Amino acid sequence: MPRARSTFKLADVTRAIRAVEAAGKDVVRTQILPDGTIVLIHGPEVTSIGPVSDFDRLEAEL
């Protein structure tokens, strides 16, 4: 069974992270959605975020 085609490239993620860092922010979390959307959460004002997915919530409870 062939693998599904990737919806994003490493270069896309790298470019997005470099842009955030060039703006003087630190990337504290990176999330890539199934449709290929890249979400970067930057700080330093963000210190901690809670669990995002059901798996994260379950893992946090253990």
N, C-alpha and C. Protein backbone atom coordinates (compact mmCIF):
# COMPACT_ATOMS: atom_id res chain seq x y z
N MET A 1 0.85 -1.17 0.00
CA MET A 1 0.00 0.00 0.00
C MET A 1 0.90 1.24 0.00
N PRO A 2 0.73 2.12 -0.95
CA PRO A 2 1.58 3.31 -1.03
C PRO A 2 1.26 4.31 0.09
N ARG A 3 2.30 5.06 0.46
CA ARG A 3 2.11 6.08 1.49
C ARG A 3 1.38 7.27 0.90
N ALA A 4 0.62 7.95 1.77
CA ALA A 4 -0.10 9.14 1.33
C ALA A 4 0.90 10.27 1.08
N ARG A 5 0.60 11.08 0.14
CA ARG A 5 1.47 12.21 -0.20
C ARG A 5 1.45 13.23 0.93
N SER A 6 2.60 13.74 1.28
CA SER A 6 2.71 14.73 2.34
C SER A 6 2.06 16.04 1.91
N THR A 7 1.40 16.70 2.88
CA THR A 7 0.73 17.96 2.57
C THR A 7 1.61 19.17 2.86
N PHE A 8 2.82 18.93 3.39
CA PHE A 8 3.73 20.02 3.67
C PHE A 8 5.16 19.54 3.43
N LYS A 9 6.07 20.47 3.33
CA LYS A 9 7.48 20.13 3.14
C LYS A 9 8.28 20.69 4.31
N LEU A 10 9.40 20.07 4.61
CA LEU A 10 10.27 20.54 5.67
C LEU A 10 10.68 21.98 5.42
N ALA A 11 10.90 22.33 4.17
CA ALA A 11 11.29 23.70 3.83
C ALA A 11 10.20 24.69 4.22
N ASP A 12 8.92 24.29 4.12
CA ASP A 12 7.82 25.17 4.51
C ASP A 12 7.86 25.46 6.01
N VAL A 13 8.09 24.41 6.80
CA VAL A 13 8.14 24.56 8.26
C VAL A 13 9.36 25.40 8.64
N THR A 14 10.50 25.10 8.04
CA THR A 14 11.73 25.85 8.32
C THR A 14 11.56 27.32 7.99
N ARG A 15 10.97 27.62 6.86
CA ARG A 15 10.75 29.01 6.44
C ARG A 15 9.84 29.74 7.43
N ALA A 16 8.79 29.07 7.89
CA ALA A 16 7.87 29.70 8.84
C ALA A 16 8.55 29.97 10.18
N ILE A 17 9.34 29.01 10.66
CA ILE A 17 10.05 29.19 11.93
C ILE A 17 11.07 30.31 11.82
N ARG A 18 11.80 30.36 10.73
CA ARG A 18 12.79 31.43 10.55
C ARG A 18 12.13 32.81 10.50
N ALA A 19 10.95 32.88 9.92
CA ALA A 19 10.24 34.16 9.84
C ALA A 19 9.84 34.64 11.24
N VAL A 20 9.36 33.71 12.06
CA VAL A 20 8.98 34.07 13.43
C VAL A 20 10.21 34.51 14.22
N GLU A 21 11.31 33.76 14.08
CA GLU A 21 12.54 34.11 14.79
C GLU A 21 13.11 35.44 14.30
N ALA A 22 12.98 35.74 13.01
CA ALA A 22 13.45 37.02 12.47
C ALA A 22 12.64 38.18 13.05
N ALA A 23 11.40 37.90 13.44
CA ALA A 23 10.56 38.93 14.05
C ALA A 23 10.87 39.10 15.54
N GLY A 24 11.84 38.32 16.03
CA GLY A 24 12.26 38.46 17.42
C GLY A 24 11.47 37.64 18.42
N LYS A 25 10.74 36.65 17.95
CA LYS A 25 9.95 35.79 18.83
C LYS A 25 10.57 34.40 18.88
N ASP A 26 10.29 33.68 19.96
CA ASP A 26 10.71 32.29 20.08
C ASP A 26 9.52 31.38 19.81
N VAL A 27 9.71 30.36 19.01
CA VAL A 27 8.65 29.39 18.74
C VAL A 27 8.61 28.42 19.92
N VAL A 28 7.45 28.34 20.58
CA VAL A 28 7.32 27.45 21.72
C VAL A 28 6.52 26.19 21.38
N ARG A 29 5.80 26.22 20.26
CA ARG A 29 5.05 25.03 19.84
C ARG A 29 4.79 25.11 18.35
N THR A 30 4.93 23.98 17.69
CA THR A 30 4.63 23.87 16.27
C THR A 30 3.58 22.80 16.09
N GLN A 31 2.57 23.09 15.30
CA GLN A 31 1.50 22.13 15.05
C GLN A 31 1.25 22.10 13.55
N ILE A 32 1.18 20.89 12.99
CA ILE A 32 0.89 20.74 11.57
C ILE A 32 -0.42 19.96 11.46
N LEU A 33 -1.40 20.59 10.87
CA LEU A 33 -2.73 19.99 10.74
C LEU A 33 -2.77 19.04 9.54
N PRO A 34 -3.74 18.12 9.52
CA PRO A 34 -3.82 17.15 8.42
C PRO A 34 -3.92 17.78 7.04
N ASP A 35 -4.46 18.99 6.93
CA ASP A 35 -4.58 19.63 5.63
C ASP A 35 -3.31 20.36 5.22
N GLY A 36 -2.26 20.28 6.06
CA GLY A 36 -0.99 20.91 5.74
C GLY A 36 -0.79 22.28 6.34
N THR A 37 -1.79 22.76 7.07
CA THR A 37 -1.67 24.06 7.72
C THR A 37 -0.62 23.99 8.82
N ILE A 38 0.29 24.98 8.84
CA ILE A 38 1.34 25.03 9.84
C ILE A 38 0.96 26.11 10.84
N VAL A 39 0.88 25.73 12.12
CA VAL A 39 0.53 26.66 13.19
C VAL A 39 1.75 26.79 14.09
N LEU A 40 2.23 28.02 14.26
CA LEU A 40 3.36 28.28 15.15
C LEU A 40 2.87 29.14 16.30
N ILE A 41 3.10 28.68 17.50
CA ILE A 41 2.76 29.46 18.69
C ILE A 41 4.07 29.99 19.21
N HIS A 42 4.13 31.30 19.36
CA HIS A 42 5.39 31.91 19.73
C HIS A 42 5.26 32.66 21.04
N GLY A 43 6.37 32.98 21.64
CA GLY A 43 6.40 33.62 22.96
C GLY A 43 7.35 34.79 22.93
N PRO A 44 7.78 35.26 24.01
CA PRO A 44 7.90 34.64 25.32
C PRO A 44 6.66 34.78 26.20
N GLU A 45 5.65 35.53 25.79
CA GLU A 45 4.49 35.71 26.66
C GLU A 45 3.71 34.42 26.88
N VAL A 46 3.88 33.43 26.00
CA VAL A 46 3.23 32.13 26.18
C VAL A 46 4.17 31.26 26.99
N THR A 47 3.76 30.89 28.19
CA THR A 47 4.62 30.07 29.03
C THR A 47 4.20 28.62 29.03
N SER A 48 2.90 28.37 28.95
CA SER A 48 2.43 27.00 28.97
C SER A 48 1.03 26.96 28.38
N ILE A 49 0.76 25.92 27.62
CA ILE A 49 -0.59 25.71 27.13
C ILE A 49 -1.03 24.32 27.54
N GLY A 50 -2.29 24.13 27.65
CA GLY A 50 -2.82 22.84 28.09
C GLY A 50 -2.83 21.83 26.96
N PRO A 51 -3.26 20.61 27.28
CA PRO A 51 -3.35 19.56 26.26
C PRO A 51 -4.26 19.99 25.11
N VAL A 52 -3.87 19.61 23.90
CA VAL A 52 -4.60 20.03 22.72
C VAL A 52 -5.52 18.93 22.21
N SER A 53 -5.02 17.72 22.11
CA SER A 53 -5.81 16.62 21.56
C SER A 53 -6.32 15.71 22.68
N ASP A 54 -7.21 14.80 22.33
CA ASP A 54 -7.69 13.83 23.31
C ASP A 54 -6.54 12.98 23.84
N PHE A 55 -5.60 12.62 22.97
CA PHE A 55 -4.44 11.85 23.40
C PHE A 55 -3.62 12.63 24.42
N ASP A 56 -3.41 13.94 24.16
CA ASP A 56 -2.66 14.77 25.10
C ASP A 56 -3.37 14.85 26.45
N ARG A 57 -4.69 14.96 26.43
CA ARG A 57 -5.44 15.03 27.68
C ARG A 57 -5.30 13.72 28.47
N LEU A 58 -5.40 12.60 27.77
CA LEU A 58 -5.27 11.29 28.42
C LEU A 58 -3.86 11.12 28.98
N GLU A 59 -2.87 11.51 28.22
CA GLU A 59 -1.49 11.39 28.66
C GLU A 59 -1.22 12.29 29.88
N ALA A 60 -1.83 13.47 29.91
CA ALA A 60 -1.65 14.38 31.05
C ALA A 60 -2.26 13.83 32.32
N GLU A 61 -3.31 13.02 32.19
CA GLU A 61 -3.95 12.44 33.35
C GLU A 61 -3.14 11.30 33.96
N LEU A 62 -2.28 10.68 33.17
CA LEU A 62 -1.50 9.53 33.68
C LEU A 62 -0.40 9.92 34.58
